[in-house]
Protein backbone atom coordinates (compact mmCIF):
# COMPACT_ATOMS: atom_id res chain seq x y z
CA UNK A 1 0.00 0.00 0.00
CA UNK A 2 1.36 3.44 -0.95
CA UNK A 3 0.42 6.63 0.85
CA UNK A 4 1.38 10.10 -0.27
CA UNK A 5 2.85 12.21 2.49
CA UNK A 6 3.35 15.95 2.76
CA UNK A 7 6.71 17.60 2.39
CA UNK A 8 7.89 19.03 5.71
CA UNK A 9 5.26 21.78 6.12
CA UNK A 10 7.39 24.48 7.73
CA UNK A 11 9.31 27.18 5.93
CA UNK A 12 12.75 25.81 6.70
CA UNK A 13 15.15 26.84 3.97
CA UNK A 14 18.39 25.43 5.39
CA UNK A 15 19.38 21.84 4.85
CA UNK A 16 19.66 19.53 7.85
CA UNK A 17 23.16 20.14 9.25
CA UNK A 18 25.75 17.44 9.78
CA UNK A 19 26.24 18.02 13.50
CA UNK A 20 28.38 14.91 13.96
CA UNK A 21 31.31 15.79 11.74
CA UNK A 22 30.32 18.66 9.48
CA UNK A 23 32.55 21.70 9.02
CA UNK A 24 31.63 24.59 11.32
CA UNK A 25 32.00 27.03 8.45
CA UNK A 26 29.29 25.15 6.54
CA UNK A 27 26.71 25.41 9.32
CA UNK A 28 23.70 27.63 8.76
CA UNK A 29 21.16 28.77 11.36
CA UNK A 30 18.42 26.20 11.84
CA UNK A 31 15.80 28.65 13.07
CA UNK A 32 13.80 30.81 10.75
CA UNK A 33 14.69 34.48 10.84
CA UNK A 34 12.90 36.30 13.63
CA UNK A 35 10.02 38.44 12.42
CA UNK A 36 7.08 40.30 13.88
CA UNK A 37 3.45 40.46 12.80
CA UNK A 38 2.76 42.99 10.00
CA UNK A 39 0.63 45.14 12.31
CA UNK A 40 3.82 45.94 14.25
CA UNK A 41 5.85 46.90 11.19
CA UNK A 42 7.03 50.48 11.02
CA UNK A 43 4.78 52.83 9.08
CA UNK A 44 6.18 56.15 7.98
CA UNK A 45 5.09 59.57 9.19
CA UNK A 46 6.00 62.49 6.96
CA UNK A 47 7.45 65.46 8.82
CA UNK A 48 7.46 68.94 7.38
CA UNK A 49 10.62 70.99 7.75
CA UNK A 50 11.24 72.00 11.33
CA UNK A 51 8.93 69.42 12.92
CA UNK A 52 10.62 67.71 15.87
CA UNK A 53 10.26 64.19 17.20
CA UNK A 54 8.27 65.48 20.17
CA UNK A 55 5.81 67.20 17.84
CA UNK A 56 5.26 64.02 15.85
CA UNK A 57 4.30 61.74 18.76
CA UNK A 58 0.55 61.99 18.19
CA UNK A 59 0.94 61.27 14.48
CA UNK A 60 2.83 58.07 15.29
CA UNK A 61 0.24 57.06 17.89
CA UNK A 62 -2.61 57.63 15.43
CA UNK A 63 -0.69 55.71 12.77
CA UNK A 64 -0.32 52.70 15.07
CA UNK A 65 -3.97 52.94 16.10
CA UNK A 66 -5.04 53.03 12.47
CA UNK A 67 -2.92 50.00 11.58
CA UNK A 68 -4.23 48.03 14.57
CA UNK A 69 -7.81 48.90 13.68
CA UNK A 70 -7.47 48.04 10.00
CA UNK A 71 -5.85 44.73 10.92
CA UNK A 72 -8.81 43.95 13.16
CA UNK A 73 -11.26 44.90 10.40
CA UNK A 74 -9.53 42.58 7.94
CA UNK A 75 -9.49 39.72 10.47
CA UNK A 76 -13.18 40.15 11.23
CA UNK A 77 -14.08 40.36 7.56
CA UNK A 78 -12.15 37.17 6.85
CA UNK A 79 -14.21 35.32 9.44
CA UNK A 80 -17.58 36.78 8.45
CA UNK A 81 -17.39 38.58 5.10
CA UNK A 82 -19.73 41.53 5.01
CA UNK A 83 -22.10 42.21 2.14
CA UNK A 84 -21.22 45.16 -0.02
CA UNK A 85 -22.87 48.34 1.29
CA UNK A 86 -25.76 49.76 -0.64
CA UNK A 87 -25.12 52.84 -2.72
CA UNK A 88 -24.68 55.86 -0.53
CA UNK A 89 -24.47 53.85 2.69
CA UNK A 90 -21.57 53.35 5.06
CA UNK A 91 -19.54 50.17 5.01
CA UNK A 92 -21.02 47.30 7.03
CA UNK A 93 -17.95 47.09 9.26
CA UNK A 94 -17.26 49.96 11.61
CA UNK A 95 -13.51 49.87 12.09
CA UNK A 96 -13.57 51.09 15.69
CA UNK A 97 -15.89 48.24 16.66
CA UNK A 98 -13.02 45.84 16.18
CA UNK A 99 -10.57 47.63 18.43
CA UNK A 100 -10.83 46.50 22.03
CA UNK A 101 -11.77 49.74 23.73
CA UNK A 102 -8.80 50.03 26.08
CA UNK A 103 -6.12 47.52 25.15
CA UNK A 104 -5.39 48.55 21.58
CA UNK A 105 -5.50 52.21 22.50
CA UNK A 106 -2.84 51.62 25.13
CA UNK A 107 -0.84 49.58 22.62
CA UNK A 108 -1.00 52.40 20.08
CA UNK A 109 0.16 54.95 22.64
CA UNK A 110 3.10 52.73 23.64
CA UNK A 111 4.24 51.79 20.15
CA UNK A 112 3.62 55.23 18.68
CA UNK A 113 5.41 57.15 21.45
CA UNK A 114 8.30 54.67 21.43
CA UNK A 115 8.73 54.84 17.65
CA UNK A 116 8.71 58.65 17.66
CA UNK A 117 11.33 58.65 20.42
CA UNK A 118 13.59 56.11 18.69
CA UNK A 119 13.40 57.82 15.30
CA UNK A 120 14.02 61.24 16.80
CA UNK A 121 16.73 60.33 19.33
CA UNK A 122 18.70 57.96 17.11
CA UNK A 123 18.04 59.74 13.80
CA UNK A 124 16.72 56.57 12.18
CA UNK A 125 16.35 56.94 8.41
CA UNK A 126 14.80 54.74 5.73
CA UNK A 127 18.18 53.10 5.10
CA UNK A 128 18.26 51.87 8.71
CA UNK A 129 15.19 49.64 8.39
CA UNK A 130 14.64 46.00 7.51
CA UNK A 131 12.90 46.35 4.16
CA UNK A 132 10.30 43.67 4.91
CA UNK A 133 9.30 45.39 8.17
CA UNK A 134 9.01 48.93 6.91
CA UNK A 135 6.32 50.69 4.87
CA UNK A 136 7.38 53.95 3.29
CA UNK A 137 3.74 54.89 2.59
CA UNK A 138 2.82 57.42 5.27
CA UNK A 139 -0.66 57.86 6.74
CA UNK A 140 -0.08 61.38 8.02
CA UNK A 141 1.99 64.47 7.40
CA UNK A 142 2.87 66.63 10.39
CA UNK A 143 2.96 70.34 9.61
CA UNK A 144 4.27 73.17 11.77
CA UNK A 145 3.22 76.80 11.48
CA UNK A 146 4.48 79.64 13.67
CA UNK A 147 2.72 82.98 13.93
CA UNK A 148 4.53 85.32 16.28
CA UNK A 149 5.41 83.25 19.33
CA UNK A 150 2.68 80.65 18.81
CA UNK A 151 3.49 77.40 17.00
CA UNK A 152 0.63 75.27 15.73
CA UNK A 153 1.08 71.60 14.86
CA UNK A 154 -1.38 69.96 12.48
CA UNK A 155 -1.73 66.43 11.18
CA UNK A 156 -2.93 65.93 7.62
CA UNK A 157 -4.23 62.55 6.48
CA UNK A 158 -2.75 61.08 3.32
CA UNK A 159 -5.47 60.17 0.81
CA UNK A 160 -3.16 58.74 -1.85
CA UNK A 161 -4.26 55.55 -3.58
CA UNK A 162 -1.44 53.55 -1.97
CA UNK A 163 -2.83 54.17 1.52
CA UNK A 164 -5.20 51.70 3.17
CA UNK A 165 -8.34 53.84 3.71
CA UNK A 166 -9.29 51.88 6.85
CA UNK A 167 -5.94 52.74 8.43
CA UNK A 168 -6.34 56.44 7.68
CA UNK A 169 -9.99 56.60 8.75
CA UNK A 170 -9.35 54.84 12.05
CA UNK A 171 -6.29 56.95 12.77
CA UNK A 172 -8.22 60.15 12.10
CA UNK A 173 -11.18 58.92 14.17
CA UNK A 174 -9.10 58.11 17.25
CA UNK A 175 -10.30 60.16 20.21
CA UNK A 176 -7.83 62.78 21.41
CA UNK A 177 -5.48 61.72 24.17
CA UNK A 178 -6.42 62.75 27.68
CA UNK A 179 -3.98 64.49 30.05
CA UNK A 180 -3.43 61.14 31.80
CA UNK A 181 -2.67 59.43 28.51
CA UNK A 182 -0.18 62.14 27.61
CA UNK A 183 1.53 61.65 30.96
CA UNK A 184 1.77 57.94 30.19
CA UNK A 185 2.99 58.65 26.62
CA UNK A 186 5.79 60.87 27.95
CA UNK A 187 6.87 58.08 30.32
CA UNK A 188 7.12 55.67 27.38
CA UNK A 189 8.75 58.26 25.12
CA UNK A 190 11.52 58.88 27.66
CA UNK A 191 12.29 55.21 28.33
CA UNK A 192 12.22 54.31 24.63
CA UNK A 193 15.50 56.12 24.03
CA UNK A 194 17.16 53.09 25.59
CA UNK A 195 15.31 50.51 23.48
CA UNK A 196 17.68 50.38 20.47
CA UNK A 197 20.87 50.00 22.50
CA UNK A 198 19.39 47.40 24.87
CA UNK A 199 18.06 45.46 21.87
CA UNK A 200 21.53 45.64 20.33
CA UNK A 201 23.07 44.16 23.47
CA UNK A 202 20.58 41.31 23.55
CA UNK A 203 21.03 40.59 19.84
CA UNK A 204 24.77 40.21 20.35
CA UNK A 205 24.25 38.07 23.44
CA UNK A 206 21.35 35.79 22.46
CA UNK A 207 20.24 36.63 18.93
CA UNK A 208 16.95 38.05 20.21
CA UNK A 209 15.79 41.65 20.60
CA UNK A 210 14.23 41.02 24.03
CA UNK A 211 13.72 38.06 26.34
CA UNK A 212 10.88 38.29 28.85
CA UNK A 213 12.83 35.93 31.12
CA UNK A 214 15.88 38.21 31.16
CA UNK A 215 14.76 41.69 32.12
CA UNK A 216 17.31 43.16 34.54
CA UNK A 217 18.57 45.73 32.03
CA UNK A 218 15.11 46.91 30.95
CA UNK A 219 13.72 46.93 34.48
CA UNK A 220 16.59 49.17 35.58
CA UNK A 221 15.43 51.77 33.06
CA UNK A 222 11.81 51.36 34.18
CA UNK A 223 12.77 51.93 37.81
CA UNK A 224 14.68 55.08 36.96
CA UNK A 225 11.76 56.71 35.16
CA UNK A 226 8.75 55.34 37.01
CA UNK A 227 8.69 58.55 39.05
CA UNK A 228 7.48 60.34 35.91
CA UNK A 229 4.07 58.81 36.63
CA UNK A 230 1.92 60.38 39.34
CA UNK A 231 1.31 57.81 42.12
CA UNK A 232 -2.14 56.18 41.95
CA UNK A 233 -2.95 58.10 38.75
CA UNK A 234 -4.68 56.81 35.63
CA UNK A 235 -1.30 56.87 33.91
CA UNK A 236 0.19 54.68 36.64
CA UNK A 237 -2.77 52.31 36.36
CA UNK A 238 -2.21 52.05 32.60
CA UNK A 239 1.32 50.85 33.35
CA UNK A 240 0.51 48.44 36.18
CA UNK A 241 -2.50 46.89 34.42
CA UNK A 242 -0.65 46.23 31.17
CA UNK A 243 3.00 45.87 32.18
CA UNK A 244 3.81 42.59 30.41
CA UNK A 245 2.23 43.71 27.13
CA UNK A 246 3.79 47.17 27.34
CA UNK A 247 7.24 45.66 27.89
CA UNK A 248 6.90 43.52 24.78
CA UNK A 249 5.87 46.53 22.70
CA UNK A 250 8.49 48.88 24.15
CA UNK A 251 11.53 46.64 24.43
CA UNK A 252 10.83 44.16 21.62
CA UNK A 253 8.56 45.47 18.87
CA UNK A 254 9.38 49.19 18.88
CA UNK A 255 12.96 48.76 17.61
CA UNK A 256 12.44 45.46 15.78
CA UNK A 257 12.09 46.98 12.26
CA UNK A 258 15.53 48.61 12.60
CA UNK A 259 18.37 46.64 11.04
CA UNK A 260 20.13 44.37 13.52
CA UNK A 261 23.44 45.69 12.22
CA UNK A 262 22.43 49.21 13.25
CA UNK A 263 21.21 48.12 16.70
CA UNK A 264 24.38 46.11 17.31
CA UNK A 265 26.58 49.02 16.30
CA UNK A 266 24.87 51.20 18.93
CA UNK A 267 25.59 48.57 21.59
CA UNK A 268 29.35 48.38 21.04
CA UNK A 269 30.02 52.07 20.44
CA UNK A 270 31.73 53.49 23.58
CA UNK A 271 30.57 57.01 22.70
CA UNK A 272 26.93 55.91 23.01
CA UNK A 273 27.48 55.22 26.70
CA UNK A 274 28.82 58.74 27.22
CA UNK A 275 25.86 60.28 25.39
CA UNK A 276 23.28 58.31 27.36
CA UNK A 277 24.89 59.33 30.64
CA UNK A 278 24.90 62.96 29.48
CA UNK A 279 21.12 62.87 28.88
CA UNK A 280 20.47 61.30 32.28
CA UNK A 281 19.97 57.69 31.22
CA UNK A 282 22.59 56.10 33.43
CA UNK A 283 20.35 53.11 34.05
CA UNK A 284 20.72 52.08 30.40
CA UNK A 285 24.52 51.96 30.24
CA UNK A 286 25.39 49.13 32.63
CA UNK A 287 26.21 46.75 29.76
CA UNK A 288 27.82 49.37 27.52
CA UNK A 289 29.88 49.21 25.49
CA UNK A 290 28.66 45.65 25.07
CA UNK A 291 30.90 42.67 24.52
CA UNK A 292 30.02 39.00 24.22
CA UNK A 293 30.96 36.61 27.03
CA UNK A 294 33.91 35.28 25.04
CA UNK A 295 35.08 38.82 24.35
CA UNK A 296 34.77 39.64 28.05
CA UNK A 297 36.90 36.61 28.87
CA UNK A 298 39.54 37.77 26.41
CA UNK A 299 39.42 41.28 27.86
CA UNK A 300 39.97 39.88 31.35
CA UNK A 301 43.01 37.90 30.20
CA UNK A 302 44.50 40.92 28.43
CA UNK A 303 43.88 43.12 31.48
CA UNK A 304 45.53 40.53 33.70
CA UNK A 305 48.54 40.31 31.40
CA UNK A 306 48.82 44.10 31.42
CA UNK A 307 49.10 43.99 35.22
CA UNK A 308 51.93 41.47 35.37
CA UNK A 309 53.99 41.82 32.19
CA UNK A 310 56.16 44.58 33.67
CA UNK A 311 57.18 42.67 36.80
CA UNK A 312 57.61 39.43 34.86
CA UNK A 313 59.94 41.19 32.43
CA UNK A 314 61.85 42.75 35.36
CA UNK A 315 62.40 39.24 36.69
CA UNK A 316 64.02 38.29 33.39
CA UNK A 317 61.17 36.23 31.98
CA UNK A 318 58.99 36.61 28.89
CA UNK A 319 55.27 35.81 28.96
CA UNK A 320 53.47 37.07 25.86
CA UNK A 321 49.98 36.70 24.34
CA UNK A 322 50.41 38.26 20.86
CA UNK A 323 47.77 36.11 19.14
CA UNK A 324 45.04 37.03 21.59
CA UNK A 325 46.00 40.68 21.38
CA UNK A 326 45.80 40.52 17.58
CA UNK A 327 42.34 38.97 17.78
CA UNK A 328 41.15 41.63 20.22
CA UNK A 329 42.43 44.34 17.88
CA UNK A 330 40.13 42.89 15.21
CA UNK A 331 37.20 42.95 17.65
CA UNK A 332 37.94 46.52 18.68
CA UNK A 333 37.90 47.65 15.05
CA UNK A 334 34.66 45.82 14.18
CA UNK A 335 31.38 47.65 13.63
CA UNK A 336 29.22 45.26 15.63
CA UNK A 337 28.30 42.88 12.85
CA UNK A 338 31.36 42.55 10.62
CA UNK A 339 35.13 42.54 11.06
CA UNK A 340 37.78 43.97 8.81
CA UNK A 341 40.57 42.16 7.02
CA UNK A 342 43.08 40.38 9.23
CA UNK A 343 45.75 37.68 9.19
CA UNK A 344 45.94 35.41 12.24
CA UNK A 345 47.40 32.04 11.18
CA UNK A 346 46.24 29.34 11.14
CA UNK A 347 42.72 30.72 11.39
CA UNK A 348 40.78 31.28 8.18
CA UNK A 349 39.54 34.80 7.57
CA UNK A 350 35.84 35.51 8.14
CA UNK A 351 33.91 38.76 7.87
CA UNK A 352 31.01 38.13 10.25
CA UNK A 353 31.72 39.28 13.81
CA UNK A 354 29.84 36.40 15.45
CA UNK A 355 31.69 33.90 13.25
CA UNK A 356 34.99 35.54 14.21
CA UNK A 357 34.18 35.29 17.92
CA UNK A 358 33.19 31.63 17.69
CA UNK A 359 35.62 30.33 15.07
CA UNK A 360 38.71 32.47 15.72
CA UNK A 361 38.60 34.12 19.13
CA UNK A 362 37.26 31.12 21.07
CA UNK A 363 40.11 28.71 20.14
CA UNK A 364 42.67 31.47 20.72
CA UNK A 365 41.28 32.02 24.21
CA UNK A 366 41.45 28.28 24.85
CA UNK A 367 45.09 28.15 23.77
CA UNK A 368 45.95 31.23 25.85
CA UNK A 369 44.32 30.12 29.11
CA UNK A 370 47.31 28.06 30.43
CA UNK A 371 49.49 31.18 30.09
CA UNK A 372 46.74 33.21 31.74
CA UNK A 373 46.71 30.74 34.64
CA UNK A 374 50.47 31.23 35.08
CA UNK A 375 49.93 35.00 35.11
CA UNK A 376 47.14 34.65 37.68
CA UNK A 377 49.52 32.78 40.00
CA UNK A 378 52.13 35.49 39.58
CA UNK A 379 49.55 38.26 40.07
CA UNK A 380 48.15 36.75 43.26
CA UNK A 381 51.67 36.42 44.64
CA UNK A 382 52.46 40.09 43.96
CA UNK A 383 49.25 41.18 45.68
CA UNK A 384 49.99 39.06 48.73
CA UNK A 385 53.55 40.37 48.87
CA UNK A 386 52.14 43.90 48.93
CA UNK A 387 49.71 43.01 51.73
CA UNK A 388 46.73 43.58 49.43
CA UNK A 389 43.67 41.51 50.34
CA UNK A 390 43.24 39.33 47.27
CA UNK A 391 39.55 38.68 47.84
CA UNK A 392 38.92 42.37 47.21
CA UNK A 393 40.70 42.47 43.85
CA UNK A 394 38.08 42.58 41.09
CA UNK A 395 40.40 41.27 38.39
CA UNK A 396 41.57 38.30 40.43
CA UNK A 397 38.00 37.52 41.46
CA UNK A 398 36.49 37.77 37.99
CA UNK A 399 34.69 34.73 36.63
CA UNK A 400 37.37 34.19 33.99
CA UNK A 401 40.28 34.33 36.45
CA UNK A 402 38.64 31.91 38.86
CA UNK A 403 37.73 29.45 36.10
CA UNK A 404 41.13 29.55 34.43
CA UNK A 405 43.06 29.19 37.71
CA UNK A 406 40.99 26.14 38.62
CA UNK A 407 41.18 24.54 35.18
CA UNK A 408 44.95 24.99 34.88
CA UNK A 409 45.90 24.62 38.54
CA UNK A 410 49.44 23.40 37.85
CA UNK A 411 50.30 26.38 35.64
CA UNK A 412 48.67 28.65 38.21
CA UNK A 413 50.81 27.16 40.98
CA UNK A 414 53.94 27.47 38.85
CA UNK A 415 53.34 31.17 38.28
CA UNK A 416 52.94 31.65 42.02
CA UNK A 417 56.16 29.70 42.71
CA UNK A 418 58.22 31.68 40.20
CA UNK A 419 56.94 34.92 41.66
CA UNK A 420 57.79 33.90 45.23
CA UNK A 421 61.29 32.77 44.27
CA UNK A 422 61.85 36.05 42.42
CA UNK A 423 60.65 38.00 45.45
CA UNK A 424 62.93 35.95 47.66
CA UNK A 425 65.89 36.55 45.35
CA UNK A 426 65.18 40.27 45.35
CA UNK A 427 64.87 40.45 49.09
CA UNK A 428 68.02 38.56 49.92
CA UNK A 429 69.95 39.93 46.96
CA UNK A 430 71.76 36.69 46.65
CA UNK A 431 71.92 34.11 43.93
CA UNK A 432 70.20 31.58 46.12
CA UNK A 433 66.74 31.09 44.70
CA UNK A 434 67.52 32.68 41.34
CA UNK A 435 65.48 31.35 38.45
CA UNK A 436 66.23 30.24 34.96
CA UNK A 437 64.66 32.50 32.34
CA UNK A 438 61.22 31.33 31.25
CA UNK A 439 59.59 32.18 27.92
CA UNK A 440 55.86 31.63 27.29
CA UNK A 441 54.13 32.83 24.15
CA UNK A 442 50.79 31.94 22.55
């Protein structure tokens, strides 16, 4: 008996990898590229000359509201198609009927305020977007007119044929924001400045924009700015009643349409940290400039070597880590997603930063760790000789130093021994206890 079966029904484009003995360089990601629902894609707002990000917030909120409403209309119509309206009569489906009275309004305020903040603060342009998550057709144009000392902001609906009329109609029909809603919108607008850089950190760390199970960084920003909301106010209730959904919109969906290369570049740029501190967003800079765990390990080893190379050289020995330093120079010069040309034999050249970290930096770190363990032994000895309490030394008590010293205990002990004998030789100024020259290089 023969039975036809379906081809694997999911949109998996990559072949099944040979995980047993396949070449690492031939491996492709198994997961489909992360994407968000079309209703959360970025829709343009046209700004007349002189219009600021702050002045465009309402246009972005109305745009999001219109998109949400039109999406709901289309979903309802797909379930129960409406008959065509009679001549001269309104359409059978009232768009606003399909927007949950409170929830989608809150969502529109969050996403709209966040998008206006991100675009204004980070100067996001059309070239910075993922093409499949960005519509260049705008629903509204924001105009600014100043007469004397009074500036008037107006929003004009776009009636071009390319525009979904449901989106425009619903956006125009959205009730004006109350004072409480504006207070809430300002709270979101302020926090959203941190969204791109925090998303960039998480992309480099886990490949995701935001993980709801890993929220220390985002919650730090929330705590800093929660005082913008009046205690027990409607604005505060909007936050507390919808926190989980707001976090997803603010920290995940708001920056998602921006290219991951752009977000990652924000995360590793040391100047970004300085700028955020200058505008009072110290809570957002804890992880900046960001580096992956392997890069942090390499940085710890280099920092440790910097501490001991002078005294080791004075003792007549040579302990060098030129290969690791060369690899870190490549990382330092990278733009967050790619690395420049380099020559580090025997490692093959790659251009992707993540590939460089995994395929080049990781094995170099592994090869360098025995030397690092020797340096840790020497470093601990010098601290003890200076009566410094070693448990208070941040470098010695870093995760990398502790792991390496334990893994390569013999090398660690040897470094300590050489240091003690050198100290003894110095103190007694006699040949007794003098050491043969040692040379270590990786």
